[in-house]
N, C-alpha and C. Protein backbone atom coordinates (compact mmCIF):
# COMPACT_ATOMS: atom_id res chain seq x y z
N UNK A 1 0.85 -1.18 0.00
CA UNK A 1 0.00 0.00 0.00
C UNK A 1 0.89 1.24 0.00
N UNK A 2 0.83 2.07 -1.05
CA UNK A 2 1.69 3.24 -1.11
C UNK A 2 1.35 4.24 -0.01
N UNK A 3 2.38 4.91 0.44
CA UNK A 3 2.22 5.87 1.53
C UNK A 3 1.51 7.14 1.07
N UNK A 4 0.68 7.67 1.93
CA UNK A 4 0.12 9.01 1.77
C UNK A 4 0.23 9.71 3.12
N UNK A 5 0.47 11.00 3.09
CA UNK A 5 0.55 11.76 4.34
C UNK A 5 -0.79 11.70 5.07
N UNK A 6 -0.75 11.64 6.40
CA UNK A 6 -2.01 11.74 7.16
C UNK A 6 -2.64 13.12 6.95
N UNK A 7 -3.92 13.19 7.19
CA UNK A 7 -4.62 14.47 7.10
C UNK A 7 -4.13 15.38 8.24
N UNK A 8 -4.19 16.71 8.05
CA UNK A 8 -3.73 17.63 9.10
C UNK A 8 -4.38 17.38 10.46
N UNK A 9 -5.65 17.03 10.48
CA UNK A 9 -6.32 16.77 11.77
C UNK A 9 -5.72 15.56 12.48
N UNK A 10 -5.31 14.54 11.71
CA UNK A 10 -4.66 13.37 12.31
C UNK A 10 -3.31 13.75 12.92
N UNK A 11 -2.57 14.59 12.20
CA UNK A 11 -1.27 15.03 12.69
C UNK A 11 -1.46 15.83 13.98
N UNK A 12 -2.42 16.73 13.99
CA UNK A 12 -2.69 17.55 15.17
C UNK A 12 -3.08 16.67 16.36
N UNK A 13 -3.94 15.68 16.13
CA UNK A 13 -4.36 14.79 17.22
C UNK A 13 -3.17 14.02 17.78
N UNK A 14 -2.31 13.54 16.90
CA UNK A 14 -1.13 12.81 17.37
C UNK A 14 -0.24 13.72 18.20
N UNK A 15 0.04 14.92 17.69
CA UNK A 15 0.94 15.82 18.40
C UNK A 15 0.36 16.27 19.75
N UNK A 16 -0.94 16.25 19.89
CA UNK A 16 -1.53 16.58 21.19
C UNK A 16 -1.25 15.49 22.22
N UNK A 17 -1.05 14.25 21.77
CA UNK A 17 -0.79 13.14 22.69
C UNK A 17 0.69 12.97 23.01
N UNK A 18 1.55 13.51 22.18
CA UNK A 18 2.99 13.29 22.29
C UNK A 18 3.61 14.24 23.30
N UNK A 19 4.54 13.69 24.09
CA UNK A 19 5.32 14.53 25.01
C UNK A 19 6.81 14.43 24.70
N UNK A 20 7.29 13.22 24.38
CA UNK A 20 8.72 12.99 24.17
C UNK A 20 8.97 12.52 22.74
N UNK A 21 9.85 13.25 22.04
CA UNK A 21 10.18 12.94 20.65
C UNK A 21 11.67 12.62 20.57
N UNK A 22 12.00 11.42 20.10
CA UNK A 22 13.38 11.06 19.82
C UNK A 22 13.68 11.46 18.38
N UNK A 23 14.75 12.21 18.19
CA UNK A 23 15.14 12.67 16.86
C UNK A 23 16.35 11.84 16.43
N UNK A 24 16.10 10.83 15.60
CA UNK A 24 17.17 9.95 15.13
C UNK A 24 17.84 10.61 13.93
N UNK A 25 19.15 10.82 14.07
CA UNK A 25 19.87 11.56 13.04
C UNK A 25 19.97 13.04 13.37
N UNK A 26 19.74 13.38 14.65
CA UNK A 26 19.86 14.77 15.10
C UNK A 26 21.25 15.30 14.74
N UNK A 27 21.29 16.52 14.23
CA UNK A 27 22.56 17.18 13.93
C UNK A 27 22.83 18.29 14.94
N UNK A 28 24.06 18.36 15.45
CA UNK A 28 24.40 19.46 16.35
C UNK A 28 24.58 20.79 15.60
N UNK A 29 24.53 20.75 14.26
CA UNK A 29 24.72 21.96 13.46
C UNK A 29 23.39 22.70 13.30
N UNK A 30 23.33 23.96 13.77
CA UNK A 30 22.07 24.72 13.72
C UNK A 30 21.47 24.90 12.33
N UNK A 31 22.22 24.81 11.28
CA UNK A 31 21.68 25.00 9.95
C UNK A 31 21.02 23.76 9.36
N UNK A 32 21.09 22.63 10.04
CA UNK A 32 20.54 21.38 9.50
C UNK A 32 19.06 21.24 9.85
N UNK A 33 18.26 20.64 8.96
CA UNK A 33 16.82 20.47 9.24
C UNK A 33 16.54 19.71 10.54
N UNK A 34 17.31 18.67 10.83
CA UNK A 34 17.04 17.90 12.06
C UNK A 34 17.22 18.76 13.30
N UNK A 35 18.18 19.64 13.29
CA UNK A 35 18.42 20.55 14.41
C UNK A 35 17.30 21.59 14.50
N UNK A 36 16.98 22.20 13.37
CA UNK A 36 15.98 23.28 13.38
C UNK A 36 14.60 22.78 13.76
N UNK A 37 14.19 21.64 13.22
CA UNK A 37 12.87 21.12 13.55
C UNK A 37 12.81 20.68 15.01
N UNK A 38 13.89 20.03 15.50
CA UNK A 38 13.93 19.62 16.91
C UNK A 38 13.86 20.85 17.82
N UNK A 39 14.60 21.89 17.48
CA UNK A 39 14.57 23.12 18.29
C UNK A 39 13.17 23.74 18.30
N UNK A 40 12.52 23.77 17.14
CA UNK A 40 11.17 24.33 17.06
C UNK A 40 10.19 23.52 17.92
N UNK A 41 10.26 22.19 17.82
CA UNK A 41 9.38 21.34 18.62
C UNK A 41 9.65 21.54 20.11
N UNK A 42 10.91 21.68 20.47
CA UNK A 42 11.27 21.92 21.86
C UNK A 42 10.68 23.24 22.35
N UNK A 43 10.72 24.25 21.53
CA UNK A 43 10.16 25.56 21.90
C UNK A 43 8.65 25.48 22.16
N UNK A 44 7.98 24.53 21.51
CA UNK A 44 6.55 24.35 21.71
C UNK A 44 6.25 23.42 22.88
N UNK A 45 7.27 23.02 23.63
CA UNK A 45 7.04 22.26 24.85
C UNK A 45 7.27 20.76 24.77
N UNK A 46 7.69 20.26 23.61
CA UNK A 46 7.97 18.83 23.51
C UNK A 46 9.35 18.54 24.06
N UNK A 47 9.50 17.42 24.73
CA UNK A 47 10.80 16.97 25.21
C UNK A 47 11.51 16.32 24.04
N UNK A 48 12.69 16.78 23.70
CA UNK A 48 13.47 16.27 22.58
C UNK A 48 14.60 15.39 23.12
N UNK A 49 14.74 14.21 22.53
CA UNK A 49 15.83 13.30 22.87
C UNK A 49 16.67 13.14 21.60
N UNK A 50 17.86 13.78 21.56
CA UNK A 50 18.72 13.63 20.39
C UNK A 50 19.30 12.21 20.34
N UNK A 51 19.25 11.59 19.15
CA UNK A 51 19.81 10.25 18.96
C UNK A 51 20.81 10.32 17.82
N UNK A 52 22.09 10.22 18.20
CA UNK A 52 23.19 10.26 17.23
C UNK A 52 24.47 9.79 17.90
N UNK A 53 25.11 8.77 17.34
CA UNK A 53 26.38 8.35 17.92
C UNK A 53 27.41 9.48 17.87
N UNK A 54 28.24 9.57 18.89
CA UNK A 54 29.34 10.52 18.86
C UNK A 54 29.06 11.89 19.46
N UNK A 55 27.83 12.16 19.88
CA UNK A 55 27.58 13.43 20.57
C UNK A 55 27.04 13.12 21.97
N UNK A 56 27.32 14.00 22.91
CA UNK A 56 26.88 13.77 24.29
C UNK A 56 25.61 14.55 24.64
N UNK A 57 25.36 15.63 23.89
CA UNK A 57 24.15 16.41 24.14
C UNK A 57 23.76 17.18 22.90
N UNK A 58 22.50 17.60 22.91
CA UNK A 58 21.96 18.44 21.85
C UNK A 58 20.78 19.21 22.39
N UNK A 59 20.75 20.50 22.12
CA UNK A 59 19.68 21.37 22.59
C UNK A 59 19.49 21.29 24.10
N UNK A 60 20.59 21.09 24.83
CA UNK A 60 20.53 21.03 26.28
C UNK A 60 20.06 19.70 26.84
N UNK A 61 19.88 18.72 26.01
CA UNK A 61 19.41 17.39 26.43
C UNK A 61 20.51 16.36 26.22
N UNK A 62 20.55 15.36 27.07
CA UNK A 62 21.50 14.26 26.89
C UNK A 62 21.18 13.54 25.59
N UNK A 63 22.22 13.22 24.83
CA UNK A 63 22.06 12.50 23.56
C UNK A 63 22.42 11.03 23.76
N UNK A 64 21.88 10.18 22.91
CA UNK A 64 22.09 8.74 22.99
C UNK A 64 22.52 8.23 21.62
N UNK A 65 23.32 7.15 21.59
CA UNK A 65 23.80 6.64 20.30
C UNK A 65 22.73 5.92 19.48
N UNK A 66 21.69 5.41 20.15
CA UNK A 66 20.62 4.70 19.45
C UNK A 66 19.38 4.70 20.34
N UNK A 67 18.25 4.28 19.80
CA UNK A 67 17.00 4.27 20.56
C UNK A 67 17.03 3.31 21.73
N UNK A 68 17.70 2.19 21.58
CA UNK A 68 17.77 1.19 22.64
C UNK A 68 18.43 1.75 23.90
N UNK A 69 19.31 2.73 23.75
CA UNK A 69 20.03 3.31 24.88
C UNK A 69 19.23 4.35 25.65
N UNK A 70 18.12 4.82 25.10
CA UNK A 70 17.31 5.85 25.75
C UNK A 70 16.56 5.22 26.93
N UNK A 71 16.77 5.72 28.16
CA UNK A 71 16.18 5.06 29.34
C UNK A 71 14.71 5.38 29.59
N UNK A 72 14.17 6.43 28.99
CA UNK A 72 12.78 6.81 29.26
C UNK A 72 11.88 6.44 28.08
N UNK A 73 10.57 6.41 28.32
CA UNK A 73 9.64 6.10 27.23
C UNK A 73 9.66 7.18 26.14
N UNK A 74 9.52 6.74 24.90
CA UNK A 74 9.51 7.64 23.75
C UNK A 74 8.12 7.55 23.12
N UNK A 75 7.51 8.70 22.89
CA UNK A 75 6.17 8.74 22.28
C UNK A 75 6.22 8.72 20.76
N UNK A 76 7.27 9.31 20.20
CA UNK A 76 7.35 9.44 18.75
C UNK A 76 8.82 9.46 18.34
N UNK A 77 9.13 8.82 17.22
CA UNK A 77 10.48 8.85 16.66
C UNK A 77 10.41 9.62 15.36
N UNK A 78 11.23 10.64 15.24
CA UNK A 78 11.32 11.47 14.04
C UNK A 78 12.65 11.11 13.38
N UNK A 79 12.59 10.49 12.19
CA UNK A 79 13.77 9.93 11.54
C UNK A 79 14.34 10.89 10.51
N UNK A 80 15.60 11.27 10.71
CA UNK A 80 16.35 12.12 9.78
C UNK A 80 17.57 11.36 9.26
N UNK A 81 17.40 10.11 8.93
CA UNK A 81 18.49 9.30 8.36
C UNK A 81 18.13 8.95 6.94
N UNK A 82 19.12 8.65 6.13
CA UNK A 82 18.83 8.25 4.75
C UNK A 82 18.14 6.89 4.74
N UNK A 83 17.47 6.61 3.64
CA UNK A 83 16.64 5.42 3.52
C UNK A 83 17.32 4.12 3.88
N UNK A 84 18.61 3.96 3.59
CA UNK A 84 19.27 2.69 3.89
C UNK A 84 19.40 2.42 5.39
N UNK A 85 19.27 3.45 6.22
CA UNK A 85 19.37 3.28 7.68
C UNK A 85 18.01 3.08 8.35
N UNK A 86 16.94 3.30 7.60
CA UNK A 86 15.59 3.24 8.18
C UNK A 86 15.23 1.84 8.70
N UNK A 87 15.57 0.74 8.00
CA UNK A 87 15.20 -0.58 8.54
C UNK A 87 15.71 -0.81 9.97
N UNK A 88 16.93 -0.39 10.25
CA UNK A 88 17.48 -0.55 11.60
C UNK A 88 16.69 0.28 12.62
N UNK A 89 16.32 1.50 12.24
CA UNK A 89 15.54 2.36 13.14
C UNK A 89 14.17 1.74 13.40
N UNK A 90 13.52 1.26 12.36
CA UNK A 90 12.20 0.64 12.51
C UNK A 90 12.31 -0.62 13.37
N UNK A 91 13.37 -1.42 13.16
CA UNK A 91 13.57 -2.60 14.01
C UNK A 91 13.64 -2.21 15.48
N UNK A 92 14.41 -1.16 15.79
CA UNK A 92 14.52 -0.70 17.18
C UNK A 92 13.15 -0.25 17.71
N UNK A 93 12.41 0.48 16.90
CA UNK A 93 11.08 0.96 17.32
C UNK A 93 10.17 -0.23 17.63
N UNK A 94 10.18 -1.24 16.77
CA UNK A 94 9.32 -2.40 16.97
C UNK A 94 9.73 -3.16 18.23
N UNK A 95 11.03 -3.32 18.45
CA UNK A 95 11.51 -4.02 19.67
C UNK A 95 11.11 -3.26 20.93
N UNK A 96 11.14 -1.94 20.86
CA UNK A 96 10.84 -1.11 22.04
C UNK A 96 9.36 -0.80 22.19
N UNK A 97 8.54 -1.18 21.22
CA UNK A 97 7.11 -0.92 21.31
C UNK A 97 6.73 0.53 21.01
N UNK A 98 7.58 1.24 20.29
CA UNK A 98 7.29 2.63 19.91
C UNK A 98 6.35 2.58 18.72
N UNK A 99 5.18 3.21 18.84
CA UNK A 99 4.14 3.08 17.83
C UNK A 99 4.06 4.22 16.84
N UNK A 100 4.78 5.31 17.08
CA UNK A 100 4.68 6.47 16.19
C UNK A 100 6.04 6.76 15.57
N UNK A 101 6.11 6.61 14.25
CA UNK A 101 7.36 6.80 13.52
C UNK A 101 7.09 7.79 12.40
N UNK A 102 7.87 8.87 12.36
CA UNK A 102 7.77 9.81 11.26
C UNK A 102 9.06 9.73 10.48
N UNK A 103 8.97 9.38 9.21
CA UNK A 103 10.13 9.33 8.34
C UNK A 103 10.15 10.61 7.53
N UNK A 104 11.12 11.45 7.82
CA UNK A 104 11.20 12.72 7.11
C UNK A 104 11.53 12.49 5.65
N UNK A 105 11.27 13.50 4.84
CA UNK A 105 11.58 13.43 3.42
C UNK A 105 13.05 13.05 3.26
N UNK A 106 13.30 12.05 2.43
CA UNK A 106 14.65 11.54 2.24
C UNK A 106 14.94 10.32 3.11
N UNK A 107 14.08 10.05 4.08
CA UNK A 107 14.26 8.90 4.97
C UNK A 107 13.22 7.83 4.66
N UNK A 108 12.75 7.80 3.43
CA UNK A 108 11.71 6.85 3.06
C UNK A 108 12.28 5.44 2.89
N UNK A 109 11.52 4.46 3.31
CA UNK A 109 11.86 3.06 3.07
C UNK A 109 10.54 2.29 3.14
N UNK A 110 9.95 2.07 1.98
CA UNK A 110 8.59 1.53 1.90
C UNK A 110 8.45 0.19 2.60
N UNK A 111 9.41 -0.71 2.43
CA UNK A 111 9.33 -2.03 3.06
C UNK A 111 9.28 -1.91 4.58
N UNK A 112 10.09 -1.02 5.15
CA UNK A 112 10.09 -0.82 6.60
C UNK A 112 8.79 -0.18 7.06
N UNK A 113 8.27 0.75 6.27
CA UNK A 113 7.00 1.37 6.63
C UNK A 113 5.89 0.32 6.64
N UNK A 114 5.90 -0.58 5.66
CA UNK A 114 4.90 -1.66 5.62
C UNK A 114 5.03 -2.57 6.84
N UNK A 115 6.27 -2.90 7.21
CA UNK A 115 6.49 -3.73 8.40
C UNK A 115 5.95 -3.05 9.64
N UNK A 116 6.20 -1.75 9.77
CA UNK A 116 5.71 -1.02 10.94
C UNK A 116 4.18 -0.95 10.93
N UNK A 117 3.59 -0.72 9.77
CA UNK A 117 2.13 -0.68 9.67
C UNK A 117 1.53 -2.03 10.06
N UNK A 118 2.21 -3.10 9.67
CA UNK A 118 1.72 -4.43 9.99
C UNK A 118 1.79 -4.76 11.47
N UNK A 119 2.71 -4.16 12.20
CA UNK A 119 2.89 -4.46 13.61
C UNK A 119 2.16 -3.49 14.53
N UNK A 120 1.85 -2.30 14.03
CA UNK A 120 1.25 -1.26 14.86
C UNK A 120 0.05 -0.67 14.17
N UNK A 121 -0.76 0.00 14.93
CA UNK A 121 -1.93 0.64 14.35
C UNK A 121 -1.60 2.02 13.79
N UNK A 122 -0.37 2.48 13.93
CA UNK A 122 -0.05 3.83 13.48
C UNK A 122 1.38 3.90 12.97
N UNK A 123 1.55 4.30 11.73
CA UNK A 123 2.86 4.61 11.17
C UNK A 123 2.65 5.80 10.25
N UNK A 124 3.44 6.82 10.44
CA UNK A 124 3.22 8.05 9.69
C UNK A 124 4.18 8.25 8.54
N UNK A 125 4.94 7.23 8.16
CA UNK A 125 5.76 7.31 6.96
C UNK A 125 6.38 8.68 6.74
N UNK A 126 6.75 8.98 5.50
CA UNK A 126 7.42 10.25 5.24
C UNK A 126 6.51 11.44 5.49
N UNK A 127 6.81 12.21 6.48
CA UNK A 127 6.04 13.42 6.78
C UNK A 127 6.90 14.61 6.38
N UNK A 128 6.43 15.39 5.46
CA UNK A 128 7.24 16.48 4.94
C UNK A 128 7.36 17.60 5.97
N UNK A 129 8.50 18.26 5.96
CA UNK A 129 8.77 19.31 6.94
C UNK A 129 7.67 20.36 6.98
N UNK A 130 7.19 20.77 5.82
CA UNK A 130 6.16 21.81 5.78
C UNK A 130 4.89 21.36 6.49
N UNK A 131 4.51 20.10 6.30
CA UNK A 131 3.30 19.60 6.95
C UNK A 131 3.47 19.60 8.46
N UNK A 132 4.65 19.22 8.93
CA UNK A 132 4.91 19.22 10.37
C UNK A 132 4.82 20.65 10.90
N UNK A 133 5.41 21.59 10.20
CA UNK A 133 5.38 22.97 10.66
C UNK A 133 3.97 23.55 10.63
N UNK A 134 3.13 23.11 9.71
CA UNK A 134 1.74 23.59 9.68
C UNK A 134 1.01 23.19 10.96
N UNK A 135 1.27 21.99 11.45
CA UNK A 135 0.55 21.47 12.61
C UNK A 135 1.06 22.05 13.91
N UNK A 136 2.34 22.36 14.01
CA UNK A 136 2.94 22.75 15.29
C UNK A 136 2.32 24.00 15.91
N UNK A 137 2.14 25.11 15.19
CA UNK A 137 1.57 26.29 15.85
C UNK A 137 0.16 26.03 16.41
N UNK A 138 -0.66 25.29 15.67
CA UNK A 138 -2.00 24.99 16.16
C UNK A 138 -1.93 24.16 17.43
N UNK A 139 -1.08 23.15 17.43
CA UNK A 139 -0.95 22.28 18.61
C UNK A 139 -0.45 23.09 19.80
N UNK A 140 0.53 23.97 19.56
CA UNK A 140 1.05 24.78 20.66
C UNK A 140 -0.05 25.66 21.24
N UNK A 141 -0.82 26.31 20.39
CA UNK A 141 -1.90 27.18 20.88
C UNK A 141 -2.92 26.37 21.66
N UNK A 142 -3.29 25.20 21.15
CA UNK A 142 -4.27 24.36 21.83
C UNK A 142 -3.70 23.87 23.16
N UNK A 143 -2.47 23.38 23.12
CA UNK A 143 -1.85 22.81 24.31
C UNK A 143 -1.75 23.85 25.42
N UNK A 144 -1.28 25.05 25.07
CA UNK A 144 -1.05 26.04 26.10
C UNK A 144 -2.34 26.66 26.61
N UNK A 145 -3.39 26.69 25.81
CA UNK A 145 -4.62 27.27 26.29
C UNK A 145 -5.52 26.25 27.01
N UNK A 146 -5.35 24.96 26.71
CA UNK A 146 -6.21 23.94 27.30
C UNK A 146 -5.49 23.00 28.26
N UNK A 147 -4.23 22.75 28.07
CA UNK A 147 -3.48 21.85 28.94
C UNK A 147 -2.11 22.48 29.17
N UNK A 148 -1.99 23.44 30.06
CA UNK A 148 -0.71 24.14 30.22
C UNK A 148 0.43 23.18 30.54
N UNK A 149 1.56 23.42 29.89
CA UNK A 149 2.78 22.66 30.17
C UNK A 149 3.89 23.66 30.43
N UNK A 150 4.82 23.29 31.27
CA UNK A 150 5.95 24.16 31.55
C UNK A 150 6.92 24.11 30.40
N UNK A 151 7.35 25.27 29.96
CA UNK A 151 8.36 25.36 28.91
C UNK A 151 9.57 26.07 29.51
N UNK A 152 10.72 25.43 29.40
CA UNK A 152 11.93 26.11 29.86
C UNK A 152 12.57 26.77 28.65
N UNK A 153 12.88 28.06 28.75
CA UNK A 153 13.49 28.76 27.61
C UNK A 153 14.86 28.18 27.29
N UNK A 154 15.15 28.07 26.03
CA UNK A 154 16.46 27.53 25.60
C UNK A 154 17.14 28.55 24.72
């Protein structure tokens, strides 16, 4: 079954439930999409867990070399790795019981997305950056007006 992006309302509903986002392929370089999107999500109150071998922290949070090393529960995995690395990330998500996987543009791997869909009721395949940014301001406004969360300035 070929992938199609979820409708904006589905994205908004998911983001309202999410608290912790692991960013696989996080870059410590501010000009990179993985860094910028993670920083934006953090500003809206989401807890960001950078996942990248070789770094100790990102955006003020402890970084981990892989998902298996993260000691706390993860609500969503945002994948910024090239397609050939996606099967390993999906394998880790399935082993850990993580049900929400967003494969950013360029991180597509249809076979892995099918495997995730077969094991879970929710897989969000390639979610384009623009679609994610469309949903974030609405979610932030809803979250802060209806379910206040503490945001620490970064």
